[in-house]
C-alpha atoms as a PDB file:
ATOM      1  CA  MET A   1     -19.826 -33.471 -20.468  1.00  0.00           C
ATOM      2  CA  ILE A   2     -21.551 -31.964 -23.705  1.00  0.00           C
ATOM      3  CA  LEU A   3     -22.160 -28.171 -23.258  1.00  0.00           C
ATOM      4  CA  THR A   4     -25.534 -26.776 -22.379  1.00  0.00           C
ATOM      5  CA  SER A   5     -28.089 -25.594 -24.835  1.00  0.00           C
ATOM      6  CA  GLU A   6     -27.375 -22.017 -23.377  1.00  0.00           C
ATOM      7  CA  LYS A   7     -23.878 -22.265 -23.910  1.00  0.00           C
ATOM      8  CA  PHE A   8     -24.133 -23.559 -27.221  1.00  0.00           C
ATOM      9  CA  GLN A   9     -26.610 -20.684 -28.249  1.00  0.00           C
ATOM     10  CA  GLY A  10     -24.098 -18.407 -26.569  1.00  0.00           C
ATOM     11  CA  ILE A  11     -21.341 -19.557 -28.620  1.00  0.00           C
ATOM     12  CA  ILE A  12     -22.832 -19.595 -32.147  1.00  0.00           C
ATOM     13  CA  SER A  13     -24.529 -16.386 -31.854  1.00  0.00           C
ATOM     14  CA  GLN A  14     -21.168 -14.519 -31.765  1.00  0.00           C
ATOM     15  CA  PHE A  15     -20.321 -16.258 -35.226  1.00  0.00           C
ATOM     16  CA  GLY A  16     -21.801 -13.215 -37.368  1.00  0.00           C
ATOM     17  CA  SER A  17     -19.919 -10.702 -35.053  1.00  0.00           C
ATOM     18  CA  ILE A  18     -16.380 -12.281 -35.708  1.00  0.00           C
ATOM     19  CA  LYS A  19     -13.823 -10.257 -37.709  1.00  0.00           C
ATOM     20  CA  PRO A  20     -13.081 -12.139 -40.927  1.00  0.00           C
ATOM     21  CA  ILE A  21     -10.951 -15.133 -40.675  1.00  0.00           C
ATOM     22  CA  LEU A  22      -8.039 -15.642 -43.169  1.00  0.00           C
ATOM     23  CA  VAL A  23      -7.677 -18.672 -44.852  1.00  0.00           C
ATOM     24  CA  VAL A  24      -4.248 -19.682 -46.332  1.00  0.00           C
ATOM     25  CA  GLY A  25      -3.770 -22.888 -48.145  1.00  0.00           C
ATOM     26  CA  ASP A  26      -3.804 -24.973 -51.259  1.00  0.00           C
ATOM     27  CA  LEU A  27      -7.138 -24.660 -52.822  1.00  0.00           C
ATOM     28  CA  GLY A  28      -9.020 -26.229 -56.015  1.00  0.00           C
ATOM     29  CA  VAL A  29     -12.207 -27.715 -57.202  1.00  0.00           C
ATOM     30  CA  ASP A  30     -13.737 -30.992 -56.526  1.00  0.00           C
ATOM     31  CA  LYS A  31     -15.736 -32.647 -59.239  1.00  0.00           C
ATOM     32  CA  TYR A  32     -18.433 -35.192 -58.883  1.00  0.00           C
ATOM     33  CA  THR A  33     -19.314 -37.345 -61.825  1.00  0.00           C
ATOM     34  CA  PHE A  34     -22.389 -39.470 -60.443  1.00  0.00           C
ATOM     35  CA  GLY A  35     -24.374 -42.315 -62.357  1.00  0.00           C
ATOM     36  CA  GLU A  36     -24.917 -46.144 -62.462  1.00  0.00           C
ATOM     37  CA  VAL A  37     -23.110 -49.278 -63.879  1.00  0.00           C
ATOM     38  CA  LYS A  38     -24.959 -51.510 -65.756  1.00  0.00           C
ATOM     39  CA  ARG A  39     -22.319 -53.432 -67.774  1.00  0.00           C
ATOM     40  CA  ILE A  40     -18.417 -53.833 -68.531  1.00  0.00           C
ATOM     41  CA  SER A  41     -17.128 -52.269 -71.540  1.00  0.00           C
ATOM     42  CA  PRO A  42     -16.070 -54.337 -74.733  1.00  0.00           C
ATOM     43  CA  GLU A  43     -12.855 -52.516 -75.238  1.00  0.00           C
ATOM     44  CA  ALA A  44     -11.442 -53.614 -71.373  1.00  0.00           C
ATOM     45  CA  PRO A  45     -12.422 -55.121 -68.248  1.00  0.00           C
ATOM     46  CA  VAL A  46     -13.586 -51.767 -66.782  1.00  0.00           C
ATOM     47  CA  PRO A  47     -17.386 -50.698 -65.664  1.00  0.00           C
ATOM     48  CA  VAL A  48     -19.284 -48.515 -67.724  1.00  0.00           C
ATOM     49  CA  LEU A  49     -20.615 -45.586 -66.048  1.00  0.00           C
ATOM     50  CA  GLU A  50     -23.831 -43.913 -67.299  1.00  0.00           C
ATOM     51  CA  VAL A  51     -23.835 -40.599 -65.996  1.00  0.00           C
ATOM     52  CA  SER A  52     -26.715 -38.893 -64.530  1.00  0.00           C
ATOM     53  CA  LYS A  53     -24.982 -36.051 -62.936  1.00  0.00           C
ATOM     54  CA  GLU A  54     -22.406 -33.967 -62.456  1.00  0.00           C
ATOM     55  CA  TRP A  55     -21.501 -30.879 -60.094  1.00  0.00           C
ATOM     56  CA  ASN A  56     -18.503 -28.935 -59.037  1.00  0.00           C
ATOM     57  CA  LYS A  57     -17.689 -27.760 -55.581  1.00  0.00           C
ATOM     58  CA  LEU A  58     -15.063 -25.711 -53.599  1.00  0.00           C
ATOM     59  CA  GLY A  59     -12.405 -28.193 -52.700  1.00  0.00           C
ATOM     60  CA  LEU A  60      -9.229 -28.276 -49.982  1.00  0.00           C
ATOM     61  CA  ALA A  61      -8.710 -24.748 -48.478  1.00  0.00           C
ATOM     62  CA  ALA A  62     -11.330 -23.389 -50.483  1.00  0.00           C
ATOM     63  CA  ASN A  63     -13.941 -25.850 -48.639  1.00  0.00           C
ATOM     64  CA  VAL A  64     -12.727 -24.274 -45.133  1.00  0.00           C
ATOM     65  CA  SER A  65     -13.912 -20.817 -46.643  1.00  0.00           C
ATOM     66  CA  ASP A  66     -17.005 -22.425 -47.954  1.00  0.00           C
ATOM     67  CA  ASN A  67     -17.902 -24.069 -44.405  1.00  0.00           C
ATOM     68  CA  LEU A  68     -17.248 -20.468 -42.836  1.00  0.00           C
ATOM     69  CA  LYS A  69     -19.776 -18.828 -44.996  1.00  0.00           C
ATOM     70  CA  SER A  70     -22.234 -21.884 -44.036  1.00  0.00           C
ATOM     71  CA  LEU A  71     -21.697 -21.069 -40.469  1.00  0.00           C
ATOM     72  CA  GLU A  72     -22.126 -17.457 -41.312  1.00  0.00           C
ATOM     73  CA  VAL A  73     -18.896 -16.721 -40.549  1.00  0.00           C
ATOM     74  CA  ASP A  74     -16.704 -14.157 -42.910  1.00  0.00           C
ATOM     75  CA  SER A  75     -13.400 -14.974 -44.240  1.00  0.00           C
ATOM     76  CA  THR A  76     -10.720 -14.210 -47.043  1.00  0.00           C
ATOM     77  CA  LEU A  77      -9.035 -17.250 -48.990  1.00  0.00           C
ATOM     78  CA  CYS A  78      -5.678 -16.483 -49.748  1.00  0.00           C
ATOM     79  CA  GLY A  79      -4.039 -18.993 -52.409  1.00  0.00           C
ATOM     80  CA  VAL A  80      -2.535 -20.025 -55.814  1.00  0.00           C
ATOM     81  CA  ILE A  81      -4.593 -21.046 -58.933  1.00  0.00           C
ATOM     82  CA  GLY A  82      -3.184 -21.387 -62.366  1.00  0.00           C
ATOM     83  CA  ASP A  83      -4.150 -19.184 -65.557  1.00  0.00           C
ATOM     84  CA  ASP A  84      -6.660 -22.001 -66.889  1.00  0.00           C
ATOM     85  CA  SER A  85     -10.382 -22.637 -67.415  1.00  0.00           C
ATOM     86  CA  ARG A  86     -10.344 -24.309 -63.907  1.00  0.00           C
ATOM     87  CA  ALA A  87      -8.885 -21.142 -62.406  1.00  0.00           C
ATOM     88  CA  ASN A  88     -11.920 -19.377 -63.727  1.00  0.00           C
ATOM     89  CA  LEU A  89     -14.322 -22.260 -62.544  1.00  0.00           C
ATOM     90  CA  VAL A  90     -12.638 -21.472 -58.988  1.00  0.00           C
ATOM     91  CA  GLU A  91     -13.248 -17.847 -59.045  1.00  0.00           C
ATOM     92  CA  HIS A  92     -16.775 -18.514 -60.558  1.00  0.00           C
ATOM     93  CA  LEU A  93     -17.480 -20.788 -57.579  1.00  0.00           C
ATOM     94  CA  LEU A  94     -16.397 -18.319 -55.195  1.00  0.00           C
ATOM     95  CA  GLU A  95     -18.450 -15.560 -56.383  1.00  0.00           C
ATOM     96  CA  GLU A  96     -21.487 -17.853 -56.341  1.00  0.00           C
ATOM     97  CA  ARG A  97     -21.040 -18.569 -52.736  1.00  0.00           C
ATOM     98  CA  GLY A  98     -20.547 -14.980 -52.132  1.00  0.00           C
ATOM     99  CA  LEU A  99     -16.874 -15.337 -50.927  1.00  0.00           C
ATOM    100  CA  LYS A 100     -14.046 -12.925 -51.804  1.00  0.00           C
ATOM    101  CA  THR A 101     -11.385 -13.369 -54.825  1.00  0.00           C
ATOM    102  CA  TRP A 102      -9.109 -10.754 -54.023  1.00  0.00           C
ATOM    103  CA  GLY A 103      -6.841 -13.395 -52.362  1.00  0.00           C
ATOM    104  CA  LEU A 104      -6.222 -15.461 -55.240  1.00  0.00           C
ATOM    105  CA  VAL A 105      -2.948 -15.279 -56.878  1.00  0.00           C
ATOM    106  CA  ARG A 106      -2.716 -16.776 -60.427  1.00  0.00           C
ATOM    107  CA  ASP A 107       0.385 -18.659 -61.823  1.00  0.00           C
ATOM    108  CA  PRO A 108       0.651 -19.572 -65.328  1.00  0.00           C
ATOM    109  CA  ALA A 109       3.094 -22.321 -64.687  1.00  0.00           C
ATOM    110  CA  ARG A 110       0.942 -24.413 -62.528  1.00  0.00           C
ATOM    111  CA  HIS A 111      -2.193 -26.487 -62.871  1.00  0.00           C
ATOM    112  CA  THR A 112      -5.508 -25.533 -60.737  1.00  0.00           C
ATOM    113  CA  THR A 113      -5.918 -28.367 -58.735  1.00  0.00           C
ATOM    114  CA  TYR A 114      -9.321 -30.182 -59.611  1.00  0.00           C
ATOM    115  CA  LYS A 115     -10.315 -33.727 -58.715  1.00  0.00           C
ATOM    116  CA  GLU A 116     -12.645 -35.557 -60.236  1.00  0.00           C
ATOM    117  CA  ARG A 117     -14.297 -38.538 -58.206  1.00  0.00           C
ATOM    118  CA  VAL A 118     -16.198 -40.858 -60.675  1.00  0.00           C
ATOM    119  CA  THR A 119     -18.891 -42.577 -58.531  1.00  0.00           C
ATOM    120  CA  THR A 120     -22.088 -44.755 -57.936  1.00  0.00           C
ATOM    121  CA  ASP A 121     -24.665 -45.029 -55.170  1.00  0.00           C
ATOM    122  CA  ILE A 122     -22.326 -48.263 -54.112  1.00  0.00           C
ATOM    123  CA  GLN A 123     -18.733 -46.844 -54.282  1.00  0.00           C
ATOM    124  CA  GLN A 124     -16.185 -44.689 -55.823  1.00  0.00           C
ATOM    125  CA  ILE A 125     -14.933 -46.327 -59.297  1.00  0.00           C
ATOM    126  CA  CYS A 126     -12.067 -43.752 -59.525  1.00  0.00           C
ATOM    127  CA  ARG A 127     -10.278 -40.510 -58.783  1.00  0.00           C
ATOM    128  CA  ILE A 128      -8.581 -38.142 -61.451  1.00  0.00           C
ATOM    129  CA  ASP A 129      -6.225 -35.475 -60.292  1.00  0.00           C
ATOM    130  CA  TYR A 130      -5.057 -32.343 -62.009  1.00  0.00           C
ATOM    131  CA  GLU A 131      -2.746 -30.651 -60.193  1.00  0.00           C
ATOM    132  CA  THR A 132       0.959 -29.308 -59.576  1.00  0.00           C
ATOM    133  CA  LYS A 133       2.813 -30.046 -56.260  1.00  0.00           C
ATOM    134  CA  ASP A 134       6.014 -28.170 -56.956  1.00  0.00           C
ATOM    135  CA  SER A 135       6.866 -25.461 -54.824  1.00  0.00           C
ATOM    136  CA  LEU A 136       6.297 -21.819 -55.571  1.00  0.00           C
ATOM    137  CA  ASN A 137       8.691 -19.945 -57.502  1.00  0.00           C
ATOM    138  CA  GLU A 138      10.113 -16.814 -56.097  1.00  0.00           C
ATOM    139  CA  GLU A 139       7.790 -14.366 -57.849  1.00  0.00           C
ATOM    140  CA  THR A 140       4.726 -16.084 -57.024  1.00  0.00           C
ATOM    141  CA  GLY A 141       5.890 -16.930 -53.155  1.00  0.00           C
ATOM    142  CA  ARG A 142       6.156 -12.923 -52.873  1.00  0.00           C
ATOM    143  CA  ARG A 143       2.639 -12.180 -54.155  1.00  0.00           C
ATOM    144  CA  VAL A 144       1.298 -14.553 -51.861  1.00  0.00           C
ATOM    145  CA  ASP A 145       3.374 -13.051 -48.809  1.00  0.00           C
ATOM    146  CA  ALA A 146       2.204  -9.878 -49.827  1.00  0.00           C
ATOM    147  CA  ARG A 147      -1.180 -10.623 -49.582  1.00  0.00           C
ATOM    148  CA  ILE A 148      -0.865 -12.186 -46.515  1.00  0.00           C
ATOM    149  CA  GLN A 149       0.978  -9.119 -44.901  1.00  0.00           C
ATOM    150  CA  GLU A 150      -1.918  -6.942 -46.066  1.00  0.00           C
ATOM    151  CA  PHE A 151      -4.964  -9.204 -44.767  1.00  0.00           C
ATOM    152  CA  SER A 152      -3.169  -9.434 -41.289  1.00  0.00           C
ATOM    153  CA  GLN A 153      -4.392  -5.913 -40.540  1.00  0.00           C
ATOM    154  CA  SER A 154      -8.148  -6.455 -40.698  1.00  0.00           C
ATOM    155  CA  HIS A 155      -8.572 -10.163 -39.842  1.00  0.00           C
ATOM    156  CA  SER A 156      -8.917 -11.939 -36.523  1.00  0.00           C
ATOM    157  CA  GLY A 157      -6.997 -14.485 -37.326  1.00  0.00           C
ATOM    158  CA  VAL A 158      -5.731 -17.321 -39.624  1.00  0.00           C
ATOM    159  CA  ILE A 159      -6.393 -20.814 -40.488  1.00  0.00           C
ATOM    160  CA  ILE A 160      -3.407 -22.564 -42.246  1.00  0.00           C
ATOM    161  CA  GLU A 161      -4.687 -25.315 -44.188  1.00  0.00           C
ATOM    162  CA  ASP A 162      -2.107 -27.455 -45.410  1.00  0.00           C
ATOM    163  CA  TYR A 163      -2.709 -30.124 -48.099  1.00  0.00           C
ATOM    164  CA  GLY A 164       1.038 -30.725 -49.163  1.00  0.00           C
ATOM    165  CA  LYS A 165       0.250 -29.074 -52.811  1.00  0.00           C
ATOM    166  CA  GLY A 166       3.258 -26.700 -52.688  1.00  0.00           C
ATOM    167  CA  LEU A 167       1.885 -23.578 -51.517  1.00  0.00           C
ATOM    168  CA  LEU A 168       3.240 -23.632 -48.148  1.00  0.00           C
ATOM    169  CA  SER A 169       6.667 -24.092 -46.960  1.00  0.00           C
ATOM    170  CA  GLU A 170       8.593 -23.756 -43.711  1.00  0.00           C
ATOM    171  CA  GLU A 171       9.550 -20.022 -44.490  1.00  0.00           C
ATOM    172  CA  LEU A 172       5.801 -18.864 -45.504  1.00  0.00           C
ATOM    173  CA  CYS A 173       4.411 -20.901 -42.473  1.00  0.00           C
ATOM    174  CA  GLN A 174       6.913 -19.119 -40.115  1.00  0.00           C
ATOM    175  CA  LYS A 175       6.115 -15.744 -41.439  1.00  0.00           C
ATOM    176  CA  ILE A 176       2.550 -16.083 -40.939  1.00  0.00           C
ATOM    177  CA  ILE A 177       2.672 -17.207 -37.503  1.00  0.00           C
ATOM    178  CA  ARG A 178       5.101 -14.460 -36.413  1.00  0.00           C
ATOM    179  CA  ASN A 179       3.087 -11.882 -38.451  1.00  0.00           C
ATOM    180  CA  PHE A 180      -0.100 -13.149 -36.527  1.00  0.00           C
ATOM    181  CA  THR A 181       1.350 -13.733 -32.969  1.00  0.00           C
ATOM    182  CA  GLU A 182       2.826 -10.221 -32.681  1.00  0.00           C
ATOM    183  CA  LYS A 183      -0.512  -8.660 -33.706  1.00  0.00           C
ATOM    184  CA  GLY A 184      -1.972 -11.094 -30.930  1.00  0.00           C
ATOM    185  CA  LEU A 185      -4.196 -13.040 -33.300  1.00  0.00           C
ATOM    186  CA  PHE A 186      -5.495 -16.479 -33.590  1.00  0.00           C
ATOM    187  CA  ILE A 187      -3.198 -19.168 -35.721  1.00  0.00           C
ATOM    188  CA  GLY A 188      -5.242 -22.646 -36.202  1.00  0.00           C
ATOM    189  CA  VAL A 189      -3.366 -25.397 -38.326  1.00  0.00           C
ATOM    190  CA  ASP A 190      -4.839 -28.549 -40.086  1.00  0.00           C
ATOM    191  CA  PRO A 191      -1.442 -29.849 -40.869  1.00  0.00           C
ATOM    192  CA  SER A 192      -0.530 -32.064 -43.997  1.00  0.00           C
ATOM    193  CA  ARG A 193       1.295 -35.613 -43.249  1.00  0.00           C
ATOM    194  CA  SER A 194       3.806 -34.576 -45.741  1.00  0.00           C
ATOM    195  CA  SER A 195       5.010 -31.324 -44.166  1.00  0.00           C
ATOM    196  CA  PRO A 196       7.489 -31.452 -41.382  1.00  0.00           C
ATOM    197  CA  PRO A 197       5.642 -30.614 -37.908  1.00  0.00           C
ATOM    198  CA  LEU A 198       8.426 -27.868 -37.242  1.00  0.00           C
ATOM    199  CA  TRP A 199       6.642 -25.701 -39.987  1.00  0.00           C
ATOM    200  CA  TYR A 200       3.996 -25.212 -37.756  1.00  0.00           C
ATOM    201  CA  LYS A 201       5.873 -24.129 -34.663  1.00  0.00           C
ATOM    202  CA  GLY A 202       4.261 -21.302 -32.645  1.00  0.00           C
ATOM    203  CA  ALA A 203       0.442 -21.623 -33.622  1.00  0.00           C
ATOM    204  CA  THR A 204      -2.342 -21.162 -31.389  1.00  0.00           C
ATOM    205  CA  LEU A 205      -4.055 -24.526 -32.504  1.00  0.00           C
ATOM    206  CA  LEU A 206      -2.965 -27.779 -34.147  1.00  0.00           C
ATOM    207  CA  LYS A 207      -5.552 -29.831 -35.718  1.00  0.00           C
ATOM    208  CA  PRO A 208      -4.102 -33.349 -37.092  1.00  0.00           C
ATOM    209  CA  ASN A 209      -5.829 -36.494 -37.262  1.00  0.00           C
ATOM    210  CA  ARG A 210      -4.617 -39.815 -35.513  1.00  0.00           C
ATOM    211  CA  LEU A 211      -2.355 -40.810 -38.537  1.00  0.00           C
ATOM    212  CA  GLU A 212      -0.765 -37.139 -38.991  1.00  0.00           C
ATOM    213  CA  SER A 213      -0.256 -37.046 -35.361  1.00  0.00           C
ATOM    214  CA  HIS A 214       1.685 -40.413 -35.308  1.00  0.00           C
ATOM    215  CA  MET A 215       3.481 -39.410 -38.233  1.00  0.00           C
ATOM    216  CA  MET A 216       4.290 -35.882 -36.672  1.00  0.00           C
ATOM    217  CA  ILE A 217       5.968 -37.484 -33.778  1.00  0.00           C
ATOM    218  CA  GLU A 218       7.691 -39.839 -35.556  1.00  0.00           C
ATOM    219  CA  ALA A 219       9.058 -36.896 -37.406  1.00  0.00           C
ATOM    220  CA  LEU A 220      10.175 -35.457 -34.356  1.00  0.00           C
ATOM    221  CA  GLY A 221      12.062 -38.759 -32.870  1.00  0.00           C
ATOM    222  CA  TYR A 222       9.148 -40.615 -30.918  1.00  0.00           C
ATOM    223  CA  PHE A 223       9.148 -43.841 -33.143  1.00  0.00           C
ATOM    224  CA  LYS A 224       7.104 -46.129 -30.959  1.00  0.00           C
ATOM    225  CA  GLU A 225       5.021 -43.945 -29.083  1.00  0.00           C
ATOM    226  CA  ARG A 226       0.820 -44.645 -29.505  1.00  0.00           C
ATOM    227  CA  LYS A 227      -0.453 -43.040 -26.309  1.00  0.00           C
ATOM    228  CA  LEU A 228      -2.450 -39.978 -27.115  1.00  0.00           C
ATOM    229  CA  GLU A 229      -1.447 -38.272 -24.026  1.00  0.00           C
ATOM    230  CA  THR A 230       2.284 -38.213 -24.757  1.00  0.00           C
ATOM    231  CA  ILE A 231       1.524 -37.671 -28.215  1.00  0.00           C
ATOM    232  CA  ALA A 232      -0.346 -34.195 -27.512  1.00  0.00           C
ATOM    233  CA  GLN A 233       2.003 -33.384 -25.119  1.00  0.00           C
ATOM    234  CA  VAL A 234       4.921 -33.968 -27.227  1.00  0.00           C
ATOM    235  CA  LEU A 235       3.294 -31.847 -29.868  1.00  0.00           C
ATOM    236  CA  ALA A 236       2.533 -28.987 -27.369  1.00  0.00           C
ATOM    237  CA  ASP A 237       5.790 -28.852 -25.900  1.00  0.00           C
ATOM    238  CA  ARG A 238       7.870 -29.464 -29.174  1.00  0.00           C
ATOM    239  CA  LEU A 239       6.264 -27.378 -31.307  1.00  0.00           C
ATOM    240  CA  GLN A 240       5.151 -24.506 -28.610  1.00  0.00           C
ATOM    241  CA  ILE A 241       1.539 -25.201 -29.530  1.00  0.00           C
ATOM    242  CA  GLU A 242      -0.926 -23.537 -27.042  1.00  0.00           C
ATOM    243  CA  LYS A 243      -4.061 -26.251 -27.944  1.00  0.00           C
ATOM    244  CA  VAL A 244      -3.955 -29.413 -29.697  1.00  0.00           C
ATOM    245  CA  ILE A 245      -6.890 -31.457 -31.054  1.00  0.00           C
ATOM    246  CA  ILE A 246      -6.629 -34.894 -32.666  1.00  0.00           C
ATOM    247  CA  THR A 247      -9.522 -36.094 -34.720  1.00  0.00           C
ATOM    248  CA  LEU A 248     -10.188 -39.956 -33.882  1.00  0.00           C
ATOM    249  CA  GLY A 249     -12.708 -40.431 -36.539  1.00  0.00           C
ATOM    250  CA  ALA A 250     -15.572 -42.866 -35.021  1.00  0.00           C
ATOM    251  CA  ASP A 251     -13.499 -42.635 -31.560  1.00  0.00           C
ATOM    252  CA  GLY A 252     -14.265 -38.894 -31.176  1.00  0.00           C
ATOM    253  CA  MET A 253     -11.834 -36.108 -30.581  1.00  0.00           C
ATOM    254  CA  ALA A 254      -8.713 -35.877 -28.211  1.00  0.00           C
ATOM    255  CA  MET A 255      -7.523 -32.298 -26.934  1.00  0.00           C
ATOM    256  CA  LEU A 256      -4.962 -30.716 -24.765  1.00  0.00           C
ATOM    257  CA  ASP A 257      -4.925 -27.336 -23.312  1.00  0.00           C
ATOM    258  CA  THR A 258      -1.892 -26.032 -22.116  1.00  0.00           C
ATOM    259  CA  LYS A 259      -3.886 -22.548 -20.951  1.00  0.00           C
ATOM    260  CA  GLY A 260      -6.138 -25.059 -18.958  1.00  0.00           C
ATOM    261  CA  ASP A 261      -5.552 -27.692 -16.654  1.00  0.00           C
ATOM    262  CA  GLY A 262      -2.876 -29.161 -19.228  1.00  0.00           C
ATOM    263  CA  LYS A 263      -4.594 -32.743 -19.104  1.00  0.00           C
ATOM    264  CA  LEU A 264      -5.682 -34.708 -22.200  1.00  0.00           C
ATOM    265  CA  LYS A 265      -9.513 -35.056 -22.398  1.00  0.00           C
ATOM    266  CA  ILE A 266     -11.545 -37.283 -25.145  1.00  0.00           C
ATOM    267  CA  ILE A 267     -15.055 -36.549 -26.113  1.00  0.00           C
ATOM    268  CA  PRO A 268     -17.117 -39.097 -28.149  1.00  0.00           C
ATOM    269  CA  THR A 269     -18.172 -38.740 -31.768  1.00  0.00           C
ATOM    270  CA  ALA A 270     -21.525 -37.145 -32.331  1.00  0.00           C
ATOM    271  CA  ALA A 271     -21.588 -38.923 -35.734  1.00  0.00           C
ATOM    272  CA  ASN A 272     -24.537 -41.306 -36.250  1.00  0.00           C
ATOM    273  CA  GLU A 273     -24.450 -42.122 -39.554  1.00  0.00           C
ATOM    274  CA  VAL A 274     -21.617 -41.936 -41.942  1.00  0.00           C
ATOM    275  CA  PHE A 275     -21.692 -41.685 -45.665  1.00  0.00           C
ATOM    276  CA  ASP A 276     -18.791 -39.857 -46.828  1.00  0.00           C
ATOM    277  CA  VAL A 277     -15.810 -38.377 -44.754  1.00  0.00           C
ATOM    278  CA  SER A 278     -14.794 -36.199 -47.455  1.00  0.00           C
ATOM    279  CA  GLY A 279     -13.982 -32.678 -46.408  1.00  0.00           C
ATOM    280  CA  ALA A 280     -14.973 -33.420 -42.549  1.00  0.00           C
ATOM    281  CA  GLY A 281     -11.662 -32.041 -41.559  1.00  0.00           C
ATOM    282  CA  ASP A 282     -12.255 -29.000 -43.320  1.00  0.00           C
ATOM    283  CA  THR A 283     -15.634 -28.752 -41.567  1.00  0.00           C
ATOM    284  CA  ALA A 284     -14.223 -29.162 -38.155  1.00  0.00           C
ATOM    285  CA  ILE A 285     -11.208 -26.721 -38.377  1.00  0.00           C
ATOM    286  CA  ALA A 286     -13.825 -24.171 -39.373  1.00  0.00           C
ATOM    287  CA  ALA A 287     -16.296 -24.762 -36.793  1.00  0.00           C
ATOM    288  CA  ILE A 288     -13.419 -24.913 -33.984  1.00  0.00           C
ATOM    289  CA  THR A 289     -11.926 -21.807 -35.056  1.00  0.00           C
ATOM    290  CA  SER A 290     -15.032 -19.950 -35.205  1.00  0.00           C
ATOM    291  CA  SER A 291     -15.950 -20.963 -31.870  1.00  0.00           C
ATOM    292  CA  LEU A 292     -12.859 -20.384 -30.042  1.00  0.00           C
ATOM    293  CA  LEU A 293     -12.901 -16.789 -31.500  1.00  0.00           C
ATOM    294  CA  ALA A 294     -16.380 -16.708 -30.332  1.00  0.00           C
ATOM    295  CA  GLY A 295     -15.342 -17.126 -26.691  1.00  0.00           C
ATOM    296  CA  ALA A 296     -15.609 -21.132 -26.150  1.00  0.00           C
ATOM    297  CA  SER A 297     -13.192 -23.213 -24.544  1.00  0.00           C
ATOM    298  CA  LEU A 298     -11.249 -25.737 -26.369  1.00  0.00           C
ATOM    299  CA  GLU A 299     -13.425 -28.471 -25.105  1.00  0.00           C
ATOM    300  CA  GLU A 300     -16.772 -26.427 -26.032  1.00  0.00           C
ATOM    301  CA  ALA A 301     -15.256 -25.767 -29.355  1.00  0.00           C
ATOM    302  CA  ALA A 302     -14.518 -29.443 -29.911  1.00  0.00           C
ATOM    303  CA  TRP A 303     -18.060 -30.385 -29.220  1.00  0.00           C
ATOM    304  CA  ILE A 304     -19.340 -27.835 -31.889  1.00  0.00           C
ATOM    305  CA  GLY A 305     -16.822 -29.081 -34.459  1.00  0.00           C
ATOM    306  CA  ASN A 306     -17.829 -32.486 -33.689  1.00  0.00           C
ATOM    307  CA  CYS A 307     -21.473 -31.655 -34.308  1.00  0.00           C
ATOM    308  CA  ALA A 308     -20.352 -30.017 -37.407  1.00  0.00           C
ATOM    309  CA  SER A 309     -18.562 -32.791 -38.671  1.00  0.00           C
ATOM    310  CA  GLY A 310     -21.329 -34.930 -37.702  1.00  0.00           C
ATOM    311  CA  VAL A 311     -23.673 -33.069 -40.056  1.00  0.00           C
ATOM    312  CA  VAL A 312     -21.314 -33.434 -43.126  1.00  0.00           C
ATOM    313  CA  VAL A 313     -20.383 -36.940 -43.027  1.00  0.00           C
ATOM    314  CA  LYS A 314     -24.141 -37.690 -43.774  1.00  0.00           C
ATOM    315  CA  LYS A 315     -24.123 -36.120 -47.035  1.00  0.00           C
ATOM    316  CA  ARG A 316     -22.403 -37.205 -50.378  1.00  0.00           C
ATOM    317  CA  GLY A 317     -18.986 -35.723 -51.085  1.00  0.00           C
ATOM    318  CA  THR A 318     -17.333 -32.639 -49.938  1.00  0.00           C
ATOM    319  CA  ALA A 319     -20.167 -31.233 -48.003  1.00  0.00           C
ATOM    320  CA  LEU A 320     -21.053 -28.220 -45.860  1.00  0.00           C
ATOM    321  CA  CYS A 321     -22.707 -27.784 -42.538  1.00  0.00           C
ATOM    322  CA  THR A 322     -25.292 -24.621 -42.102  1.00  0.00           C
ATOM    323  CA  LEU A 323     -25.967 -22.858 -39.146  1.00  0.00           C
ATOM    324  CA  GLU A 324     -29.466 -23.952 -38.910  1.00  0.00           C
ATOM    325  CA  GLU A 325     -27.935 -27.794 -39.336  1.00  0.00           C
ATOM    326  CA  LEU A 326     -25.547 -27.319 -36.645  1.00  0.00           C
ATOM    327  CA  LYS A 327     -28.236 -25.909 -34.259  1.00  0.00           C
ATOM    328  CA  ASP A 328     -30.424 -28.987 -35.029  1.00  0.00           C
ATOM    329  CA  TYR A 329     -27.800 -31.753 -34.856  1.00  0.00           C
ATOM    330  CA  PHE A 330     -26.689 -30.371 -31.346  1.00  0.00           C
ATOM    331  CA  GLN A 331     -30.115 -30.400 -29.856  1.00  0.00           C
ATOM    332  CA  ASN A 332     -30.972 -33.974 -31.368  1.00  0.00           C
ATOM    333  CA  LEU A 333     -27.513 -34.766 -29.342  1.00  0.00           C
ATOM    334  CA  ARG A 334     -28.695 -33.392 -26.206  1.00  0.00           C
ATOM    335  CA  LYS A 335     -32.001 -35.567 -26.486  1.00  0.00           C
ATOM    336  CA  LEU A 336     -29.808 -38.176 -26.816  1.00  0.00           C
ATOM    337  CA  VAL A 337     -27.423 -37.892 -24.189  1.00  0.00           C
ATOM    338  CA  ASN A 338     -29.960 -36.741 -21.532  1.00  0.00           C
END
């Protein structure tokens, strides 16, 4: 059952009073090159794009902080960039959005992650990636760890946003989890399908999508299991996770709260129109974490995350959900289900 308007308003009204959330993860820039194809190149059998618009957007973990900002929740972003022109672009985009840059660590040995999507109204033609996926060197790792230790003193919790680009390791994840657990603070994880699930052991919330959840339990030795109830329970038990949300795309979200009744619950998707799913998971983890820190139950937080995702999938590219858009979407959804 969808939450009441009074409960929804009570939760989101607390967003502005939440202490800052630390976001730790791989970060970068998403560039969009948009235009129209009218001919095939005489040089090779490839389309010629006549560009009409280009724009840059904060991507990966930076998109989580950007979504928190849009929901009027304060955050600090911590991650590694290169020492190149695109690193300057990351800092510029953060400052433009009123987001803090003091959690960024520069490493001249790495490329700043930069993903260019070449697209038309109809389809994406190609994507061009500039990135370094190697693990951090020892010195950069120490600098990142020192920043996180410092920030843990003044933040309400942490979101570990793992895109598998080399920032995170088992050692760093477990240091973060121990540090925030000792302080009684919230730890949310948006996992990477390429990272071993035991890296996240002991977190408060784990939010994989369906494919990631299957890959995680296979890594734990459950090769033929496909029942959502069992998958969620295995993740909660083996990884000592308090809350599990598995996003199911068009089928909604499945969730299990070991501090609640311990039973799997499924809510339907709130999206009624899907244009682009890029970054929808970032929006979901931002809204769900904010809701939990504002006092929501897991199911209430999932509904709010569901609505926020419904807003962004209607937009082109890596998009944001503002607080006003979230309110409007929720009220329209209430009318549909009543």
